[in-house]
Amino acid sequence: MQGDDRSGDGKKIDADGVQDISLKTERWIKVSGTFLIQSFHLLGLFAIGAATVWAAGLAFLHMVKQGGASIEDLLLLFIYLEIGAMVGIYFRTNRLPVRFIIYVALTAMTRHLIGSMNLDPAHRPDSVPAIEFNTLVLAGAIGLLSVAVLLLRYGSYKFPSENPGYGTDLKADREGSGPRQNRST
């Protein structure tokens, strides 16, 4: 490559010049790729947030039309609230809190359990054992997820993260040095 006239203006490009162009191109590709990934990330978060607000608004309008809210309706609003909080935390910290996903699952299963108990007799399974089995399965799943949250919180307390995200370091929160504490007091 040494001595080749590749620049078009009569300047010769040597091996160092080729390496320099290669490094600049690689740097430009990395910067462009990072920009595109971050843009997609933000666009996706805004889309999920907007869809959550839209769905919560429609659910609320449906409750207003009905003239009241059932416990299932309120639990649905809690699911939307938890999803919104999860999006907000992910937007701030770039970390997805696993506990919030479990909270959404717990609330959804509780909503399903209450809904299955409130079914019209025409929509219920014919046998009582089927209803009891479904209830036991849902209750067991709720209990299992509750234990999972307890273990995650204990692990976060006992083994704090080196780089704590929003509310993930329980020991730092308890000692007053967590991210949610007001440092001016």
C-alpha atoms as a PDB file:
ATOM      1  CA  MET A   1       0.000   0.000   0.000  1.00  0.00           C
ATOM      2  CA  GLN A   2       2.912   2.317   0.558  1.00  0.00           C
ATOM      3  CA  GLY A   3       3.165   4.919  -2.170  1.00  0.00           C
ATOM      4  CA  ASP A   4      -0.377   4.366  -3.537  1.00  0.00           C
ATOM      5  CA  ASP A   5      -2.255   7.501  -4.507  1.00  0.00           C
ATOM      6  CA  ARG A   6      -5.665   6.746  -2.952  1.00  0.00           C
ATOM      7  CA  SER A   7      -6.680  10.137  -1.594  1.00  0.00           C
ATOM      8  CA  GLY A   8      -7.407  11.682  -4.962  1.00  0.00           C
ATOM      9  CA  ASP A   9      -5.483  14.867  -4.259  1.00  0.00           C
ATOM     10  CA  GLY A  10      -1.994  13.650  -5.037  1.00  0.00           C
ATOM     11  CA  LYS A  11      -1.079  12.770  -1.436  1.00  0.00           C
ATOM     12  CA  LYS A  12       0.351   9.352  -0.827  1.00  0.00           C
ATOM     13  CA  ILE A  13      -1.217   7.107   1.801  1.00  0.00           C
ATOM     14  CA  ASP A  14       1.205   4.909   3.658  1.00  0.00           C
ATOM     15  CA  ALA A  15       0.547   2.012   6.069  1.00  0.00           C
ATOM     16  CA  ASP A  16       0.147   4.404   9.024  1.00  0.00           C
ATOM     17  CA  GLY A  17      -2.433   6.386   7.068  1.00  0.00           C
ATOM     18  CA  VAL A  18      -4.415   3.252   6.268  1.00  0.00           C
ATOM     19  CA  GLN A  19      -4.347   2.227   9.905  1.00  0.00           C
ATOM     20  CA  ASP A  20      -5.448   5.738  10.922  1.00  0.00           C
ATOM     21  CA  ILE A  21      -8.360   5.631   8.466  1.00  0.00           C
ATOM     22  CA  SER A  22      -9.267   2.171   9.711  1.00  0.00           C
ATOM     23  CA  LEU A  23      -9.293   3.331  13.354  1.00  0.00           C
ATOM     24  CA  LYS A  24     -11.370   6.411  12.508  1.00  0.00           C
ATOM     25  CA  THR A  25     -13.849   4.295  10.563  1.00  0.00           C
ATOM     26  CA  GLU A  26     -14.099   1.793  13.398  1.00  0.00           C
ATOM     27  CA  ARG A  27     -14.606   4.614  15.924  1.00  0.00           C
ATOM     28  CA  TRP A  28     -17.303   6.180  13.700  1.00  0.00           C
ATOM     29  CA  ILE A  29     -19.095   2.821  13.376  1.00  0.00           C
ATOM     30  CA  LYS A  30     -19.014   2.291  17.156  1.00  0.00           C
ATOM     31  CA  VAL A  31     -20.318   5.804  17.854  1.00  0.00           C
ATOM     32  CA  SER A  32     -23.039   5.450  15.214  1.00  0.00           C
ATOM     33  CA  GLY A  33     -24.025   2.005  16.474  1.00  0.00           C
ATOM     34  CA  THR A  34     -24.189   3.209  20.073  1.00  0.00           C
ATOM     35  CA  PHE A  35     -26.317   6.179  18.993  1.00  0.00           C
ATOM     36  CA  LEU A  36     -28.722   3.932  17.067  1.00  0.00           C
ATOM     37  CA  ILE A  37     -29.018   1.452  19.938  1.00  0.00           C
ATOM     38  CA  GLN A  38     -29.645   4.212  22.485  1.00  0.00           C
ATOM     39  CA  SER A  39     -32.185   5.855  20.178  1.00  0.00           C
ATOM     40  CA  PHE A  40     -34.038   2.566  19.734  1.00  0.00           C
ATOM     41  CA  HIS A  41     -33.848   1.996  23.500  1.00  0.00           C
ATOM     42  CA  LEU A  42     -35.380   5.389  24.281  1.00  0.00           C
ATOM     43  CA  LEU A  43     -37.988   5.083  21.540  1.00  0.00           C
ATOM     44  CA  GLY A  44     -38.983   1.660  22.847  1.00  0.00           C
ATOM     45  CA  LEU A  45     -39.238   2.917  26.426  1.00  0.00           C
ATOM     46  CA  PHE A  46     -41.379   5.854  25.361  1.00  0.00           C
ATOM     47  CA  ALA A  47     -43.600   3.537  23.300  1.00  0.00           C
ATOM     48  CA  ILE A  48     -44.062   1.141  26.231  1.00  0.00           C
ATOM     49  CA  GLY A  49     -44.704   4.054  28.597  1.00  0.00           C
ATOM     50  CA  ALA A  50     -47.207   5.665  26.238  1.00  0.00           C
ATOM     51  CA  ALA A  51     -48.999   2.351  25.635  1.00  0.00           C
ATOM     52  CA  THR A  52     -49.197   1.785  29.396  1.00  0.00           C
ATOM     53  CA  VAL A  53     -50.657   5.242  30.012  1.00  0.00           C
ATOM     54  CA  TRP A  54     -53.095   4.734  27.130  1.00  0.00           C
ATOM     55  CA  ALA A  55     -54.221   1.314  28.393  1.00  0.00           C
ATOM     56  CA  ALA A  56     -54.585   2.611  31.964  1.00  0.00           C
ATOM     57  CA  GLY A  57     -56.594   5.565  30.701  1.00  0.00           C
ATOM     58  CA  LEU A  58     -58.925   3.316  28.695  1.00  0.00           C
ATOM     59  CA  ALA A  59     -59.366   1.010  31.700  1.00  0.00           C
ATOM     60  CA  PHE A  60     -60.179   4.005  33.878  1.00  0.00           C
ATOM     61  CA  LEU A  61     -62.702   5.340  31.340  1.00  0.00           C
ATOM     62  CA  HIS A  62     -64.315   1.889  31.245  1.00  0.00           C
ATOM     63  CA  MET A  63     -64.662   2.005  35.038  1.00  0.00           C
ATOM     64  CA  VAL A  64     -66.223   5.453  34.854  1.00  0.00           C
ATOM     65  CA  LYS A  65     -68.705   4.212  32.221  1.00  0.00           C
ATOM     66  CA  GLN A  66     -69.621   1.291  34.466  1.00  0.00           C
ATOM     67  CA  GLY A  67     -70.159   3.643  37.359  1.00  0.00           C
ATOM     68  CA  GLY A  68     -67.745   1.819  39.648  1.00  0.00           C
ATOM     69  CA  ALA A  69     -64.644  -0.267  39.954  1.00  0.00           C
ATOM     70  CA  SER A  70     -64.337  -3.873  41.011  1.00  0.00           C
ATOM     71  CA  ILE A  71     -61.335  -5.269  42.831  1.00  0.00           C
ATOM     72  CA  GLU A  72     -60.213  -6.759  39.508  1.00  0.00           C
ATOM     73  CA  ASP A  73     -60.303  -3.296  37.933  1.00  0.00           C
ATOM     74  CA  LEU A  74     -58.200  -1.848  40.745  1.00  0.00           C
ATOM     75  CA  LEU A  75     -55.673  -4.669  40.460  1.00  0.00           C
ATOM     76  CA  LEU A  76     -55.457  -4.008  36.722  1.00  0.00           C
ATOM     77  CA  LEU A  77     -54.635  -0.367  37.485  1.00  0.00           C
ATOM     78  CA  PHE A  78     -51.941  -1.569  39.899  1.00  0.00           C
ATOM     79  CA  ILE A  79     -50.456  -3.682  37.117  1.00  0.00           C
ATOM     80  CA  TYR A  80     -50.297  -0.603  34.896  1.00  0.00           C
ATOM     81  CA  LEU A  81     -48.746   1.369  37.750  1.00  0.00           C
ATOM     82  CA  GLU A  82     -46.077  -1.283  38.294  1.00  0.00           C
ATOM     83  CA  ILE A  83     -45.280  -1.413  34.588  1.00  0.00           C
ATOM     84  CA  GLY A  84     -44.988   2.379  34.553  1.00  0.00           C
ATOM     85  CA  ALA A  85     -42.666   2.294  37.569  1.00  0.00           C
ATOM     86  CA  MET A  86     -40.596  -0.433  35.923  1.00  0.00           C
ATOM     87  CA  VAL A  87     -40.259   1.640  32.733  1.00  0.00           C
ATOM     88  CA  GLY A  88     -39.294   4.697  34.792  1.00  0.00           C
ATOM     89  CA  ILE A  89     -36.631   2.821  36.725  1.00  0.00           C
ATOM     90  CA  TYR A  90     -35.274   1.259  33.538  1.00  0.00           C
ATOM     91  CA  PHE A  91     -35.210   4.708  31.900  1.00  0.00           C
ATOM     92  CA  ARG A  92     -33.231   6.173  34.814  1.00  0.00           C
ATOM     93  CA  THR A  93     -30.793   3.342  35.508  1.00  0.00           C
ATOM     94  CA  ASN A  94     -30.709   1.068  32.415  1.00  0.00           C
ATOM     95  CA  ARG A  95     -31.444  -1.795  34.805  1.00  0.00           C
ATOM     96  CA  LEU A  96     -34.583  -3.868  34.742  1.00  0.00           C
ATOM     97  CA  PRO A  97     -35.596  -4.619  38.324  1.00  0.00           C
ATOM     98  CA  VAL A  98     -36.563  -8.282  38.424  1.00  0.00           C
ATOM     99  CA  ARG A  99     -38.620  -7.677  41.566  1.00  0.00           C
ATOM    100  CA  PHE A 100     -41.015  -5.441  39.630  1.00  0.00           C
ATOM    101  CA  ILE A 101     -41.574  -8.145  37.035  1.00  0.00           C
ATOM    102  CA  ILE A 102     -42.445 -10.517  39.869  1.00  0.00           C
ATOM    103  CA  TYR A 103     -44.756  -7.870  41.398  1.00  0.00           C
ATOM    104  CA  VAL A 104     -46.586  -7.625  38.074  1.00  0.00           C
ATOM    105  CA  ALA A 105     -46.905 -11.425  37.966  1.00  0.00           C
ATOM    106  CA  LEU A 106     -48.136 -11.522  41.580  1.00  0.00           C
ATOM    107  CA  THR A 107     -50.754  -8.866  40.907  1.00  0.00           C
ATOM    108  CA  ALA A 108     -51.861 -10.551  37.668  1.00  0.00           C
ATOM    109  CA  MET A 109     -52.220 -13.928  39.389  1.00  0.00           C
ATOM    110  CA  THR A 110     -54.122 -12.375  42.272  1.00  0.00           C
ATOM    111  CA  ARG A 111     -56.412 -10.662  39.765  1.00  0.00           C
ATOM    112  CA  HIS A 112     -56.921 -13.967  37.959  1.00  0.00           C
ATOM    113  CA  LEU A 113     -57.622 -15.774  41.256  1.00  0.00           C
ATOM    114  CA  ILE A 114     -60.224 -13.207  42.275  1.00  0.00           C
ATOM    115  CA  GLY A 115     -61.717 -13.276  38.792  1.00  0.00           C
ATOM    116  CA  SER A 116     -62.027 -17.057  38.809  1.00  0.00           C
ATOM    117  CA  MET A 117     -63.779 -16.897  42.170  1.00  0.00           C
ATOM    118  CA  ASN A 118     -66.262 -14.337  40.832  1.00  0.00           C
ATOM    119  CA  LEU A 119     -67.208 -16.299  37.694  1.00  0.00           C
ATOM    120  CA  ASP A 120     -70.845 -16.829  36.891  1.00  0.00           C
ATOM    121  CA  PRO A 121     -71.923 -20.401  37.580  1.00  0.00           C
ATOM    122  CA  ALA A 122     -72.518 -20.817  33.829  1.00  0.00           C
ATOM    123  CA  HIS A 123     -68.815 -20.196  33.128  1.00  0.00           C
ATOM    124  CA  ARG A 124     -67.384 -22.303  35.939  1.00  0.00           C
ATOM    125  CA  PRO A 125     -66.024 -25.803  35.377  1.00  0.00           C
ATOM    126  CA  ASP A 126     -68.601 -28.493  36.100  1.00  0.00           C
ATOM    127  CA  SER A 127     -66.657 -30.131  38.875  1.00  0.00           C
ATOM    128  CA  VAL A 128     -65.840 -28.623  42.227  1.00  0.00           C
ATOM    129  CA  PRO A 129     -62.439 -30.392  42.363  1.00  0.00           C
ATOM    130  CA  ALA A 130     -61.376 -28.547  39.182  1.00  0.00           C
ATOM    131  CA  ILE A 131     -62.168 -25.191  40.834  1.00  0.00           C
ATOM    132  CA  GLU A 132     -60.347 -26.205  44.000  1.00  0.00           C
ATOM    133  CA  PHE A 133     -57.329 -27.456  42.037  1.00  0.00           C
ATOM    134  CA  ASN A 134     -57.116 -24.222  40.007  1.00  0.00           C
ATOM    135  CA  THR A 135     -57.359 -22.210  43.213  1.00  0.00           C
ATOM    136  CA  LEU A 136     -54.598 -24.270  44.827  1.00  0.00           C
ATOM    137  CA  VAL A 137     -52.342 -23.916  41.788  1.00  0.00           C
ATOM    138  CA  LEU A 138     -52.791 -20.135  41.685  1.00  0.00           C
ATOM    139  CA  ALA A 139     -52.305 -19.825  45.449  1.00  0.00           C
ATOM    140  CA  GLY A 140     -49.170 -21.975  45.241  1.00  0.00           C
ATOM    141  CA  ALA A 141     -47.795 -19.860  42.387  1.00  0.00           C
ATOM    142  CA  ILE A 142     -48.508 -16.667  44.351  1.00  0.00           C
ATOM    143  CA  GLY A 143     -46.748 -18.152  47.373  1.00  0.00           C
ATOM    144  CA  LEU A 144     -43.764 -19.242  45.267  1.00  0.00           C
ATOM    145  CA  LEU A 145     -43.412 -15.788  43.697  1.00  0.00           C
ATOM    146  CA  SER A 146     -43.677 -14.188  47.141  1.00  0.00           C
ATOM    147  CA  VAL A 147     -40.812 -16.363  48.358  1.00  0.00           C
ATOM    148  CA  ALA A 148     -38.836 -15.357  45.244  1.00  0.00           C
ATOM    149  CA  VAL A 149     -39.296 -11.659  46.088  1.00  0.00           C
ATOM    150  CA  LEU A 150     -38.243 -12.344  49.666  1.00  0.00           C
ATOM    151  CA  LEU A 151     -35.097 -14.141  48.473  1.00  0.00           C
ATOM    152  CA  LEU A 152     -34.249 -11.348  46.028  1.00  0.00           C
ATOM    153  CA  ARG A 153     -34.647  -8.697  48.710  1.00  0.00           C
ATOM    154  CA  TYR A 154     -32.585 -10.733  51.175  1.00  0.00           C
ATOM    155  CA  GLY A 155     -29.879 -11.246  48.551  1.00  0.00           C
ATOM    156  CA  SER A 156     -29.874  -7.530  47.769  1.00  0.00           C
ATOM    157  CA  TYR A 157     -29.525  -6.759  51.479  1.00  0.00           C
ATOM    158  CA  LYS A 158     -26.907  -9.390  52.265  1.00  0.00           C
ATOM    159  CA  PHE A 159     -24.872  -8.997  49.064  1.00  0.00           C
ATOM    160  CA  PRO A 160     -25.224  -5.368  47.947  1.00  0.00           C
ATOM    161  CA  SER A 161     -24.362  -4.465  44.393  1.00  0.00           C
ATOM    162  CA  GLU A 162     -21.036  -2.780  43.660  1.00  0.00           C
ATOM    163  CA  ASN A 163     -22.850  -0.295  41.453  1.00  0.00           C
ATOM    164  CA  PRO A 164     -26.313   0.023  42.982  1.00  0.00           C
ATOM    165  CA  GLY A 165     -29.165   1.055  40.746  1.00  0.00           C
ATOM    166  CA  TYR A 166     -32.365   2.760  41.803  1.00  0.00           C
ATOM    167  CA  GLY A 167     -33.385   1.170  45.079  1.00  0.00           C
ATOM    168  CA  THR A 168     -31.491  -2.079  44.571  1.00  0.00           C
ATOM    169  CA  ASP A 169     -29.093  -1.778  47.500  1.00  0.00           C
ATOM    170  CA  LEU A 170     -31.180  -2.334  50.625  1.00  0.00           C
ATOM    171  CA  LYS A 171     -28.234  -2.054  52.996  1.00  0.00           C
ATOM    172  CA  ALA A 172     -27.275   1.357  51.589  1.00  0.00           C
ATOM    173  CA  ASP A 173     -30.918   2.456  51.768  1.00  0.00           C
ATOM    174  CA  ARG A 174     -31.142   1.431  55.418  1.00  0.00           C
ATOM    175  CA  GLU A 175     -27.889   3.187  56.303  1.00  0.00           C
ATOM    176  CA  GLY A 176     -28.967   6.398  54.602  1.00  0.00           C
ATOM    177  CA  SER A 177     -26.556   6.323  51.683  1.00  0.00           C
ATOM    178  CA  GLY A 178     -28.846   4.836  49.039  1.00  0.00           C
ATOM    179  CA  PRO A 179     -29.883   6.668  45.889  1.00  0.00           C
ATOM    180  CA  ARG A 180     -33.292   7.595  47.283  1.00  0.00           C
ATOM    181  CA  GLN A 181     -31.968   9.352  50.373  1.00  0.00           C
ATOM    182  CA  ASN A 182     -31.894  13.150  50.573  1.00  0.00           C
ATOM    183  CA  ARG A 183     -28.230  13.949  51.041  1.00  0.00           C
ATOM    184  CA  SER A 184     -28.833  17.576  52.075  1.00  0.00           C
ATOM    185  CA  THR A 185     -30.213  16.642  55.502  1.00  0.00           C
END
